[in-house]
Amino acid sequence: MVDMTQVDTGLGVASVAGSVIGGTVGEAVTAGATAAEAIIDAVGTAQANHASAFATASSAVSALQTAAVPILTTLPAADAEKAATGINLIQTILADLKSFFAL
């Protein structure tokens, strides 16, 4: 995982360097650093949104699993097994998403 503090510091240094250099090259460096900061901010926001959505989904699956327990006991064994497998599949998908998005 990338150390975002180092990236942010590097972009700050690049922005200052662009101001010091001046001219066309300096302006391009400053503009590039500013654009990179905007991208990093957007990625950070997306990461927070993913974490929030993941927490909501995890909570919903836990509630579903808890609510399903008494219902599963009333179903024929084969149907109960299919339902439990479906809930487990949802949990597996959530675990994969957690890993993929590094939440």
PDB file of N, CA and C in Angstrom:
ATOM      1  N   MET A   1       0.841  -1.168   0.000  1.00  0.00           N
ATOM      2  CA  MET A   1       0.000   0.000   0.000  1.00  0.00           C
ATOM      3  C   MET A   1       0.889   1.235   0.000  1.00  0.00           C
ATOM      4  N   VAL A   2       0.478   2.252  -0.683  1.00  0.00           N
ATOM      5  CA  VAL A   2       1.243   3.486  -0.818  1.00  0.00           C
ATOM      6  C   VAL A   2       1.079   4.330   0.439  1.00  0.00           C
ATOM      7  N   ASP A   3       2.179   4.911   0.907  1.00  0.00           N
ATOM      8  CA  ASP A   3       2.116   5.832   2.046  1.00  0.00           C
ATOM      9  C   ASP A   3       1.649   7.183   1.519  1.00  0.00           C
ATOM     10  N   MET A   4       0.379   7.492   1.754  1.00  0.00           N
ATOM     11  CA  MET A   4      -0.211   8.709   1.198  1.00  0.00           C
ATOM     12  C   MET A   4       0.413   9.970   1.785  1.00  0.00           C
ATOM     13  N   THR A   5       0.961   9.891   2.985  1.00  0.00           N
ATOM     14  CA  THR A   5       1.624  11.052   3.577  1.00  0.00           C
ATOM     15  C   THR A   5       2.839  11.426   2.749  1.00  0.00           C
ATOM     16  N   GLN A   6       3.596  10.424   2.327  1.00  0.00           N
ATOM     17  CA  GLN A   6       4.772  10.692   1.496  1.00  0.00           C
ATOM     18  C   GLN A   6       4.367  11.256   0.138  1.00  0.00           C
ATOM     19  N   VAL A   7       3.311  10.720  -0.440  1.00  0.00           N
ATOM     20  CA  VAL A   7       2.834  11.218  -1.733  1.00  0.00           C
ATOM     21  C   VAL A   7       2.388  12.662  -1.592  1.00  0.00           C
ATOM     22  N   ASP A   8       1.623  12.945  -0.546  1.00  0.00           N
ATOM     23  CA  ASP A   8       1.130  14.301  -0.319  1.00  0.00           C
ATOM     24  C   ASP A   8       2.289  15.273  -0.102  1.00  0.00           C
ATOM     25  N   THR A   9       3.273  14.850   0.676  1.00  0.00           N
ATOM     26  CA  THR A   9       4.455  15.685   0.913  1.00  0.00           C
ATOM     27  C   THR A   9       5.205  15.931  -0.394  1.00  0.00           C
ATOM     28  N   GLY A  10       5.368  14.890  -1.178  1.00  0.00           N
ATOM     29  CA  GLY A  10       6.052  15.028  -2.466  1.00  0.00           C
ATOM     30  C   GLY A  10       5.340  15.982  -3.407  1.00  0.00           C
ATOM     31  N   LEU A  11       4.018  15.907  -3.425  1.00  0.00           N
ATOM     32  CA  LEU A  11       3.258  16.822  -4.280  1.00  0.00           C
ATOM     33  C   LEU A  11       3.364  18.258  -3.782  1.00  0.00           C
ATOM     34  N   GLY A  12       3.399  18.426  -2.464  1.00  0.00           N
ATOM     35  CA  GLY A  12       3.590  19.771  -1.902  1.00  0.00           C
ATOM     36  C   GLY A  12       4.941  20.334  -2.294  1.00  0.00           C
ATOM     37  N   VAL A  13       5.966  19.505  -2.222  1.00  0.00           N
ATOM     38  CA  VAL A  13       7.314  19.926  -2.624  1.00  0.00           C
ATOM     39  C   VAL A  13       7.338  20.267  -4.110  1.00  0.00           C
ATOM     40  N   ALA A  14       6.692  19.454  -4.926  1.00  0.00           N
ATOM     41  CA  ALA A  14       6.650  19.717  -6.372  1.00  0.00           C
ATOM     42  C   ALA A  14       5.947  21.037  -6.655  1.00  0.00           C
ATOM     43  N   SER A  15       4.880  21.314  -5.935  1.00  0.00           N
ATOM     44  CA  SER A  15       4.148  22.559  -6.136  1.00  0.00           C
ATOM     45  C   SER A  15       5.017  23.761  -5.781  1.00  0.00           C
ATOM     46  N   VAL A  16       5.728  23.672  -4.656  1.00  0.00           N
ATOM     47  CA  VAL A  16       6.631  24.757  -4.251  1.00  0.00           C
ATOM     48  C   VAL A  16       7.759  24.897  -5.268  1.00  0.00           C
ATOM     49  N   ALA A  17       8.308  23.775  -5.703  1.00  0.00           N
ATOM     50  CA  ALA A  17       9.386  23.816  -6.699  1.00  0.00           C
ATOM     51  C   ALA A  17       8.904  24.473  -7.981  1.00  0.00           C
ATOM     52  N   GLY A  18       7.682  24.161  -8.390  1.00  0.00           N
ATOM     53  CA  GLY A  18       7.131  24.784  -9.591  1.00  0.00           C
ATOM     54  C   GLY A  18       7.018  26.280  -9.443  1.00  0.00           C
ATOM     55  N   SER A  19       6.622  26.731  -8.270  1.00  0.00           N
ATOM     56  CA  SER A  19       6.523  28.176  -8.024  1.00  0.00           C
ATOM     57  C   SER A  19       7.897  28.827  -8.063  1.00  0.00           C
ATOM     58  N   VAL A  20       8.895  28.151  -7.502  1.00  0.00           N
ATOM     59  CA  VAL A  20      10.253  28.690  -7.472  1.00  0.00           C
ATOM     60  C   VAL A  20      10.865  28.710  -8.870  1.00  0.00           C
ATOM     61  N   ILE A  21      10.654  27.637  -9.632  1.00  0.00           N
ATOM     62  CA  ILE A  21      11.213  27.546 -10.984  1.00  0.00           C
ATOM     63  C   ILE A  21      10.616  28.632 -11.867  1.00  0.00           C
ATOM     64  N   GLY A  22       9.309  28.802 -11.766  1.00  0.00           N
ATOM     65  CA  GLY A  22       8.629  29.817 -12.565  1.00  0.00           C
ATOM     66  C   GLY A  22       8.620  29.460 -14.044  1.00  0.00           C
ATOM     67  N   GLY A  23       8.126  30.350 -14.842  1.00  0.00           N
ATOM     68  CA  GLY A  23       8.066  30.150 -16.282  1.00  0.00           C
ATOM     69  C   GLY A  23       7.118  29.025 -16.661  1.00  0.00           C
ATOM     70  N   THR A  24       7.215  28.616 -17.901  1.00  0.00           N
ATOM     71  CA  THR A  24       6.327  27.590 -18.441  1.00  0.00           C
ATOM     72  C   THR A  24       6.512  26.250 -17.732  1.00  0.00           C
ATOM     73  N   VAL A  25       7.754  25.878 -17.491  1.00  0.00           N
ATOM     74  CA  VAL A  25       8.032  24.604 -16.828  1.00  0.00           C
ATOM     75  C   VAL A  25       7.505  24.627 -15.397  1.00  0.00           C
ATOM     76  N   GLY A  26       7.756  25.696 -14.693  1.00  0.00           N
ATOM     77  CA  GLY A  26       7.281  25.821 -13.314  1.00  0.00           C
ATOM     78  C   GLY A  26       5.767  25.781 -13.228  1.00  0.00           C
ATOM     79  N   GLU A  27       5.118  26.460 -14.176  1.00  0.00           N
ATOM     80  CA  GLU A  27       3.650  26.449 -14.205  1.00  0.00           C
ATOM     81  C   GLU A  27       3.121  25.040 -14.479  1.00  0.00           C
ATOM     82  N   ALA A  28       3.793  24.321 -15.366  1.00  0.00           N
ATOM     83  CA  ALA A  28       3.369  22.952 -15.682  1.00  0.00           C
ATOM     84  C   ALA A  28       3.542  22.039 -14.467  1.00  0.00           C
ATOM     85  N   VAL A  29       4.650  22.206 -13.745  1.00  0.00           N
ATOM     86  CA  VAL A  29       4.888  21.398 -12.543  1.00  0.00           C
ATOM     87  C   VAL A  29       3.817  21.688 -11.496  1.00  0.00           C
ATOM     88  N   THR A  30       3.531  22.971 -11.278  1.00  0.00           N
ATOM     89  CA  THR A  30       2.512  23.360 -10.300  1.00  0.00           C
ATOM     90  C   THR A  30       1.137  22.836 -10.707  1.00  0.00           C
ATOM     91  N   ALA A  31       0.796  22.968 -11.989  1.00  0.00           N
ATOM     92  CA  ALA A  31      -0.504  22.476 -12.473  1.00  0.00           C
ATOM     93  C   ALA A  31      -0.599  20.956 -12.319  1.00  0.00           C
ATOM     94  N   GLY A  32       0.481  20.259 -12.616  1.00  0.00           N
ATOM     95  CA  GLY A  32       0.492  18.801 -12.468  1.00  0.00           C
ATOM     96  C   GLY A  32       0.324  18.380 -11.014  1.00  0.00           C
ATOM     97  N   ALA A  33       1.011  19.084 -10.114  1.00  0.00           N
ATOM     98  CA  ALA A  33       0.890  18.770  -8.687  1.00  0.00           C
ATOM     99  C   ALA A  33      -0.527  19.043  -8.194  1.00  0.00           C
ATOM    100  N   THR A  34      -1.122  20.129  -8.657  1.00  0.00           N
ATOM    101  CA  THR A  34      -2.495  20.464  -8.268  1.00  0.00           C
ATOM    102  C   THR A  34      -3.470  19.408  -8.780  1.00  0.00           C
ATOM    103  N   ALA A  35      -3.291  18.981 -10.023  1.00  0.00           N
ATOM    104  CA  ALA A  35      -4.163  17.943 -10.593  1.00  0.00           C
ATOM    105  C   ALA A  35      -4.001  16.626  -9.831  1.00  0.00           C
ATOM    106  N   ALA A  36      -2.774  16.283  -9.490  1.00  0.00           N
ATOM    107  CA  ALA A  36      -2.525  15.046  -8.741  1.00  0.00           C
ATOM    108  C   ALA A  36      -3.176  15.108  -7.358  1.00  0.00           C
ATOM    109  N   GLU A  37      -3.120  16.271  -6.714  1.00  0.00           N
ATOM    110  CA  GLU A  37      -3.784  16.440  -5.405  1.00  0.00           C
ATOM    111  C   GLU A  37      -5.282  16.204  -5.536  1.00  0.00           C
ATOM    112  N   ALA A  38      -5.878  16.735  -6.602  1.00  0.00           N
ATOM    113  CA  ALA A  38      -7.320  16.550  -6.816  1.00  0.00           C
ATOM    114  C   ALA A  38      -7.657  15.069  -7.001  1.00  0.00           C
ATOM    115  N   ILE A  39      -6.807  14.361  -7.728  1.00  0.00           N
ATOM    116  CA  ILE A  39      -7.029  12.924  -7.939  1.00  0.00           C
ATOM    117  C   ILE A  39      -6.915  12.168  -6.617  1.00  0.00           C
ATOM    118  N   ILE A  40      -5.904  12.499  -5.835  1.00  0.00           N
ATOM    119  CA  ILE A  40      -5.718  11.833  -4.539  1.00  0.00           C
ATOM    120  C   ILE A  40      -6.910  12.100  -3.624  1.00  0.00           C
ATOM    121  N   ASP A  41      -7.401  13.341  -3.633  1.00  0.00           N
ATOM    122  CA  ASP A  41      -8.576  13.663  -2.813  1.00  0.00           C
ATOM    123  C   ASP A  41      -9.787  12.846  -3.254  1.00  0.00           C
ATOM    124  N   ALA A  42      -9.968  12.705  -4.565  1.00  0.00           N
ATOM    125  CA  ALA A  42     -11.100  11.928  -5.089  1.00  0.00           C
ATOM    126  C   ALA A  42     -10.976  10.454  -4.707  1.00  0.00           C
ATOM    127  N   VAL A  43      -9.764   9.926  -4.781  1.00  0.00           N
ATOM    128  CA  VAL A  43      -9.536   8.531  -4.398  1.00  0.00           C
ATOM    129  C   VAL A  43      -9.821   8.335  -2.909  1.00  0.00           C
ATOM    130  N   GLY A  44      -9.378   9.289  -2.093  1.00  0.00           N
ATOM    131  CA  GLY A  44      -9.646   9.210  -0.652  1.00  0.00           C
ATOM    132  C   GLY A  44     -11.132   9.227  -0.351  1.00  0.00           C
ATOM    133  N   THR A  45     -11.867  10.077  -1.060  1.00  0.00           N
ATOM    134  CA  THR A  45     -13.318  10.141  -0.881  1.00  0.00           C
ATOM    135  C   THR A  45     -13.966   8.830  -1.312  1.00  0.00           C
ATOM    136  N   ALA A  46     -13.535   8.299  -2.443  1.00  0.00           N
ATOM    137  CA  ALA A  46     -14.085   7.028  -2.926  1.00  0.00           C
ATOM    138  C   ALA A  46     -13.801   5.911  -1.925  1.00  0.00           C
ATOM    139  N   GLN A  47     -12.596   5.910  -1.363  1.00  0.00           N
ATOM    140  CA  GLN A  47     -12.227   4.886  -0.375  1.00  0.00           C
ATOM    141  C   GLN A  47     -13.151   4.972   0.841  1.00  0.00           C
ATOM    142  N   ALA A  48     -13.410   6.190   1.300  1.00  0.00           N
ATOM    143  CA  ALA A  48     -14.306   6.370   2.453  1.00  0.00           C
ATOM    144  C   ALA A  48     -15.720   5.907   2.113  1.00  0.00           C
ATOM    145  N   ASN A  49     -16.165   6.209   0.896  1.00  0.00           N
ATOM    146  CA  ASN A  49     -17.499   5.768   0.468  1.00  0.00           C
ATOM    147  C   ASN A  49     -17.584   4.248   0.399  1.00  0.00           C
ATOM    148  N   HIS A  50     -16.520   3.621  -0.106  1.00  0.00           N
ATOM    149  CA  HIS A  50     -16.494   2.156  -0.167  1.00  0.00           C
ATOM    150  C   HIS A  50     -16.544   1.562   1.238  1.00  0.00           C
ATOM    151  N   ALA A  51     -15.789   2.147   2.156  1.00  0.00           N
ATOM    152  CA  ALA A  51     -15.770   1.643   3.533  1.00  0.00           C
ATOM    153  C   ALA A  51     -17.148   1.766   4.176  1.00  0.00           C
ATOM    154  N   SER A  52     -17.810   2.882   3.920  1.00  0.00           N
ATOM    155  CA  SER A  52     -19.152   3.089   4.480  1.00  0.00           C
ATOM    156  C   SER A  52     -20.144   2.088   3.892  1.00  0.00           C
ATOM    157  N   ALA A  53     -20.091   1.909   2.582  1.00  0.00           N
ATOM    158  CA  ALA A  53     -20.991   0.954   1.923  1.00  0.00           C
ATOM    159  C   ALA A  53     -20.708  -0.466   2.407  1.00  0.00           C
ATOM    160  N   PHE A  54     -19.438  -0.784   2.585  1.00  0.00           N
ATOM    161  CA  PHE A  54     -19.073  -2.111   3.071  1.00  0.00           C
ATOM    162  C   PHE A  54     -19.621  -2.346   4.476  1.00  0.00           C
ATOM    163  N   ALA A  55     -19.495  -1.346   5.334  1.00  0.00           N
ATOM    164  CA  ALA A  55     -20.008  -1.482   6.705  1.00  0.00           C
ATOM    165  C   ALA A  55     -21.518  -1.697   6.698  1.00  0.00           C
ATOM    166  N   THR A  56     -22.214  -0.961   5.843  1.00  0.00           N
ATOM    167  CA  THR A  56     -23.667  -1.113   5.736  1.00  0.00           C
ATOM    168  C   THR A  56     -24.029  -2.510   5.238  1.00  0.00           C
ATOM    169  N   ALA A  57     -23.336  -2.964   4.203  1.00  0.00           N
ATOM    170  CA  ALA A  57     -23.612  -4.293   3.648  1.00  0.00           C
ATOM    171  C   ALA A  57     -23.293  -5.391   4.660  1.00  0.00           C
ATOM    172  N   SER A  58     -22.192  -5.251   5.366  1.00  0.00           N
ATOM    173  CA  SER A  58     -21.824  -6.253   6.374  1.00  0.00           C
ATOM    174  C   SER A  58     -22.869  -6.331   7.476  1.00  0.00           C
ATOM    175  N   SER A  59     -23.338  -5.178   7.891  1.00  0.00           N
ATOM    176  CA  SER A  59     -24.376  -5.135   8.921  1.00  0.00           C
ATOM    177  C   SER A  59     -25.660  -5.797   8.428  1.00  0.00           C
ATOM    178  N   ALA A  60     -26.006  -5.525   7.179  1.00  0.00           N
ATOM    179  CA  ALA A  60     -27.221  -6.118   6.607  1.00  0.00           C
ATOM    180  C   ALA A  60     -27.106  -7.634   6.508  1.00  0.00           C
ATOM    181  N   VAL A  61     -25.946  -8.134   6.112  1.00  0.00           N
ATOM    182  CA  VAL A  61     -25.754  -9.582   5.998  1.00  0.00           C
ATOM    183  C   VAL A  61     -25.797 -10.236   7.378  1.00  0.00           C
ATOM    184  N   SER A  62     -25.216  -9.586   8.360  1.00  0.00           N
ATOM    185  CA  SER A  62     -25.280 -10.123   9.725  1.00  0.00           C
ATOM    186  C   SER A  62     -26.722 -10.189  10.217  1.00  0.00           C
ATOM    187  N   ALA A  63     -27.481  -9.132   9.940  1.00  0.00           N
ATOM    188  CA  ALA A  63     -28.894  -9.118  10.334  1.00  0.00           C
ATOM    189  C   ALA A  63     -29.667 -10.210   9.603  1.00  0.00           C
ATOM    190  N   LEU A  64     -29.364 -10.381   8.314  1.00  0.00           N
ATOM    191  CA  LEU A  64     -30.018 -11.431   7.529  1.00  0.00           C
ATOM    192  C   LEU A  64     -29.707 -12.808   8.103  1.00  0.00           C
ATOM    193  N   GLN A  65     -28.447 -13.023   8.417  1.00  0.00           N
ATOM    194  CA  GLN A  65     -28.047 -14.325   8.949  1.00  0.00           C
ATOM    195  C   GLN A  65     -28.749 -14.602  10.284  1.00  0.00           C
ATOM    196  N   THR A  66     -28.813 -13.605  11.140  1.00  0.00           N
ATOM    197  CA  THR A  66     -29.489 -13.770  12.432  1.00  0.00           C
ATOM    198  C   THR A  66     -30.979 -14.033  12.246  1.00  0.00           C
ATOM    199  N   ALA A  67     -31.597 -13.262  11.355  1.00  0.00           N
ATOM    200  CA  ALA A  67     -33.034 -13.419  11.116  1.00  0.00           C
ATOM    201  C   ALA A  67     -33.356 -14.756  10.452  1.00  0.00           C
ATOM    202  N   ALA A  68     -32.411 -15.281   9.689  1.00  0.00           N
ATOM    203  CA  ALA A  68     -32.662 -16.519   8.951  1.00  0.00           C
ATOM    204  C   ALA A  68     -32.616 -17.766   9.827  1.00  0.00           C
ATOM    205  N   VAL A  69     -31.925 -17.696  10.948  1.00  0.00           N
ATOM    206  CA  VAL A  69     -31.740 -18.895  11.782  1.00  0.00           C
ATOM    207  C   VAL A  69     -33.062 -19.582  12.132  1.00  0.00           C
ATOM    208  N   PRO A  70     -34.038 -18.870  12.698  1.00  0.00           N
ATOM    209  CA  PRO A  70     -35.279 -19.585  13.039  1.00  0.00           C
ATOM    210  C   PRO A  70     -36.062 -20.055  11.811  1.00  0.00           C
ATOM    211  N   ILE A  71     -35.907 -19.344  10.714  1.00  0.00           N
ATOM    212  CA  ILE A  71     -36.625 -19.725   9.490  1.00  0.00           C
ATOM    213  C   ILE A  71     -36.001 -20.976   8.879  1.00  0.00           C
ATOM    214  N   LEU A  72     -34.677 -21.033   8.897  1.00  0.00           N
ATOM    215  CA  LEU A  72     -33.984 -22.186   8.306  1.00  0.00           C
ATOM    216  C   LEU A  72     -34.364 -23.489   9.001  1.00  0.00           C
ATOM    217  N   THR A  73     -34.645 -23.415  10.282  1.00  0.00           N
ATOM    218  CA  THR A  73     -35.002 -24.639  11.012  1.00  0.00           C
ATOM    219  C   THR A  73     -36.365 -25.187  10.599  1.00  0.00           C
ATOM    220  N   THR A  74     -37.179 -24.348   9.964  1.00  0.00           N
ATOM    221  CA  THR A  74     -38.510 -24.805   9.534  1.00  0.00           C
ATOM    222  C   THR A  74     -38.506 -25.354   8.112  1.00  0.00           C
ATOM    223  N   LEU A  75     -37.421 -25.149   7.406  1.00  0.00           N
ATOM    224  CA  LEU A  75     -37.346 -25.592   6.009  1.00  0.00           C
ATOM    225  C   LEU A  75     -36.871 -27.039   5.917  1.00  0.00           C
ATOM    226  N   PRO A  76     -37.207 -27.691   4.806  1.00  0.00           N
ATOM    227  CA  PRO A  76     -36.603 -29.008   4.552  1.00  0.00           C
ATOM    228  C   PRO A  76     -35.077 -28.857   4.507  1.00  0.00           C
ATOM    229  N   ALA A  77     -34.377 -29.885   4.896  1.00  0.00           N
ATOM    230  CA  ALA A  77     -32.915 -29.824   5.020  1.00  0.00           C
ATOM    231  C   ALA A  77     -32.229 -29.318   3.756  1.00  0.00           C
ATOM    232  N   ALA A  78     -32.649 -29.800   2.597  1.00  0.00           N
ATOM    233  CA  ALA A  78     -32.004 -29.389   1.341  1.00  0.00           C
ATOM    234  C   ALA A  78     -32.202 -27.897   1.091  1.00  0.00           C
ATOM    235  N   ASP A  79     -33.402 -27.395   1.357  1.00  0.00           N
ATOM    236  CA  ASP A  79     -33.677 -25.973   1.157  1.00  0.00           C
ATOM    237  C   ASP A  79     -32.921 -25.114   2.168  1.00  0.00           C
ATOM    238  N   ALA A  80     -32.869 -25.581   3.395  1.00  0.00           N
ATOM    239  CA  ALA A  80     -32.131 -24.846   4.429  1.00  0.00           C
ATOM    240  C   ALA A  80     -30.653 -24.765   4.075  1.00  0.00           C
ATOM    241  N   GLU A  81     -30.126 -25.866   3.535  1.00  0.00           N
ATOM    242  CA  GLU A  81     -28.715 -25.882   3.138  1.00  0.00           C
ATOM    243  C   GLU A  81     -28.454 -24.901   2.001  1.00  0.00           C
ATOM    244  N   LYS A  82     -29.362 -24.856   1.026  1.00  0.00           N
ATOM    245  CA  LYS A  82     -29.217 -23.909  -0.089  1.00  0.00           C
ATOM    246  C   LYS A  82     -29.263 -22.472   0.417  1.00  0.00           C
ATOM    247  N   ALA A  83     -30.184 -22.182   1.319  1.00  0.00           N
ATOM    248  CA  ALA A  83     -30.302 -20.827   1.859  1.00  0.00           C
ATOM    249  C   ALA A  83     -29.048 -20.436   2.641  1.00  0.00           C
ATOM    250  N   ALA A  84     -28.561 -21.352   3.466  1.00  0.00           N
ATOM    251  CA  ALA A  84     -27.344 -21.084   4.239  1.00  0.00           C
ATOM    252  C   ALA A  84     -26.150 -20.884   3.311  1.00  0.00           C
ATOM    253  N   THR A  85     -26.082 -21.673   2.251  1.00  0.00           N
ATOM    254  CA  THR A  85     -25.007 -21.526   1.266  1.00  0.00           C
ATOM    255  C   THR A  85     -25.078 -20.159   0.595  1.00  0.00           C
ATOM    256  N   GLY A  86     -26.287 -19.705   0.293  1.00  0.00           N
ATOM    257  CA  GLY A  86     -26.463 -18.380  -0.310  1.00  0.00           C
ATOM    258  C   GLY A  86     -25.979 -17.269   0.604  1.00  0.00           C
ATOM    259  N   ILE A  87     -26.312 -17.373   1.876  1.00  0.00           N
ATOM    260  CA  ILE A  87     -25.857 -16.363   2.840  1.00  0.00           C
ATOM    261  C   ILE A  87     -24.336 -16.409   2.968  1.00  0.00           C
ATOM    262  N   ASN A  88     -23.774 -17.604   3.005  1.00  0.00           N
ATOM    263  CA  ASN A  88     -22.315 -17.734   3.072  1.00  0.00           C
ATOM    264  C   ASN A  88     -21.645 -17.168   1.827  1.00  0.00           C
ATOM    265  N   LEU A  89     -22.285 -17.338   0.676  1.00  0.00           N
ATOM    266  CA  LEU A  89     -21.737 -16.780  -0.559  1.00  0.00           C
ATOM    267  C   LEU A  89     -21.697 -15.256  -0.488  1.00  0.00           C
ATOM    268  N   ILE A  90     -22.747 -14.661   0.044  1.00  0.00           N
ATOM    269  CA  ILE A  90     -22.770 -13.200   0.201  1.00  0.00           C
ATOM    270  C   ILE A  90     -21.620 -12.760   1.112  1.00  0.00           C
ATOM    271  N   GLN A  91     -21.391 -13.485   2.192  1.00  0.00           N
ATOM    272  CA  GLN A  91     -20.289 -13.146   3.096  1.00  0.00           C
ATOM    273  C   GLN A  91     -18.936 -13.288   2.403  1.00  0.00           C
ATOM    274  N   THR A  92     -18.800 -14.300   1.567  1.00  0.00           N
ATOM    275  CA  THR A  92     -17.557 -14.487   0.811  1.00  0.00           C
ATOM    276  C   THR A  92     -17.332 -13.333  -0.158  1.00  0.00           C
ATOM    277  N   ILE A  93     -18.393 -12.919  -0.827  1.00  0.00           N
ATOM    278  CA  ILE A  93     -18.289 -11.790  -1.759  1.00  0.00           C
ATOM    279  C   ILE A  93     -17.881 -10.532  -1.007  1.00  0.00           C
ATOM    280  N   LEU A  94     -18.484 -10.294   0.148  1.00  0.00           N
ATOM    281  CA  LEU A  94     -18.112  -9.125   0.946  1.00  0.00           C
ATOM    282  C   LEU A  94     -16.650  -9.189   1.379  1.00  0.00           C
ATOM    283  N   ALA A  95     -16.185 -10.361   1.771  1.00  0.00           N
ATOM    284  CA  ALA A  95     -14.778 -10.509   2.162  1.00  0.00           C
ATOM    285  C   ALA A  95     -13.855 -10.207   0.985  1.00  0.00           C
ATOM    286  N   ASP A  96     -14.242 -10.667  -0.204  1.00  0.00           N
ATOM    287  CA  ASP A  96     -13.447 -10.378  -1.401  1.00  0.00           C
ATOM    288  C   ASP A  96     -13.429  -8.882  -1.700  1.00  0.00           C
ATOM    289  N   LEU A  97     -14.580  -8.235  -1.570  1.00  0.00           N
ATOM    290  CA  LEU A  97     -14.647  -6.787  -1.794  1.00  0.00           C
ATOM    291  C   LEU A  97     -13.803  -6.037  -0.771  1.00  0.00           C
ATOM    292  N   LYS A  98     -13.843  -6.499   0.467  1.00  0.00           N
ATOM    293  CA  LYS A  98     -13.040  -5.859   1.517  1.00  0.00           C
ATOM    294  C   LYS A  98     -11.562  -5.938   1.154  1.00  0.00           C
ATOM    295  N   SER A  99     -11.145  -7.093   0.690  1.00  0.00           N
ATOM    296  CA  SER A  99      -9.753  -7.275   0.294  1.00  0.00           C
ATOM    297  C   SER A  99      -9.408  -6.435  -0.931  1.00  0.00           C
ATOM    298  N   PHE A 100     -10.292  -6.456  -1.934  1.00  0.00           N
ATOM    299  CA  PHE A 100     -10.044  -5.735  -3.184  1.00  0.00           C
ATOM    300  C   PHE A 100      -9.895  -4.238  -2.952  1.00  0.00           C
ATOM    301  N   PHE A 101     -10.763  -3.675  -2.119  1.00  0.00           N
ATOM    302  CA  PHE A 101     -10.734  -2.235  -1.871  1.00  0.00           C
ATOM    303  C   PHE A 101      -9.871  -1.871  -0.664  1.00  0.00           C
ATOM    304  N   ALA A 102      -9.207  -2.861  -0.074  1.00  0.00           N
ATOM    305  CA  ALA A 102      -8.330  -2.631   1.081  1.00  0.00           C
ATOM    306  C   ALA A 102      -9.053  -1.863   2.175  1.00  0.00           C
ATOM    307  N   LEU A 103     -10.224  -2.370   2.546  1.00  0.00           N
ATOM    308  CA  LEU A 103     -11.027  -1.685   3.567  1.00  0.00           C
ATOM    309  C   LEU A 103     -10.673  -2.164   4.954  1.00  0.00           C
TER     310      LEU A 103
END
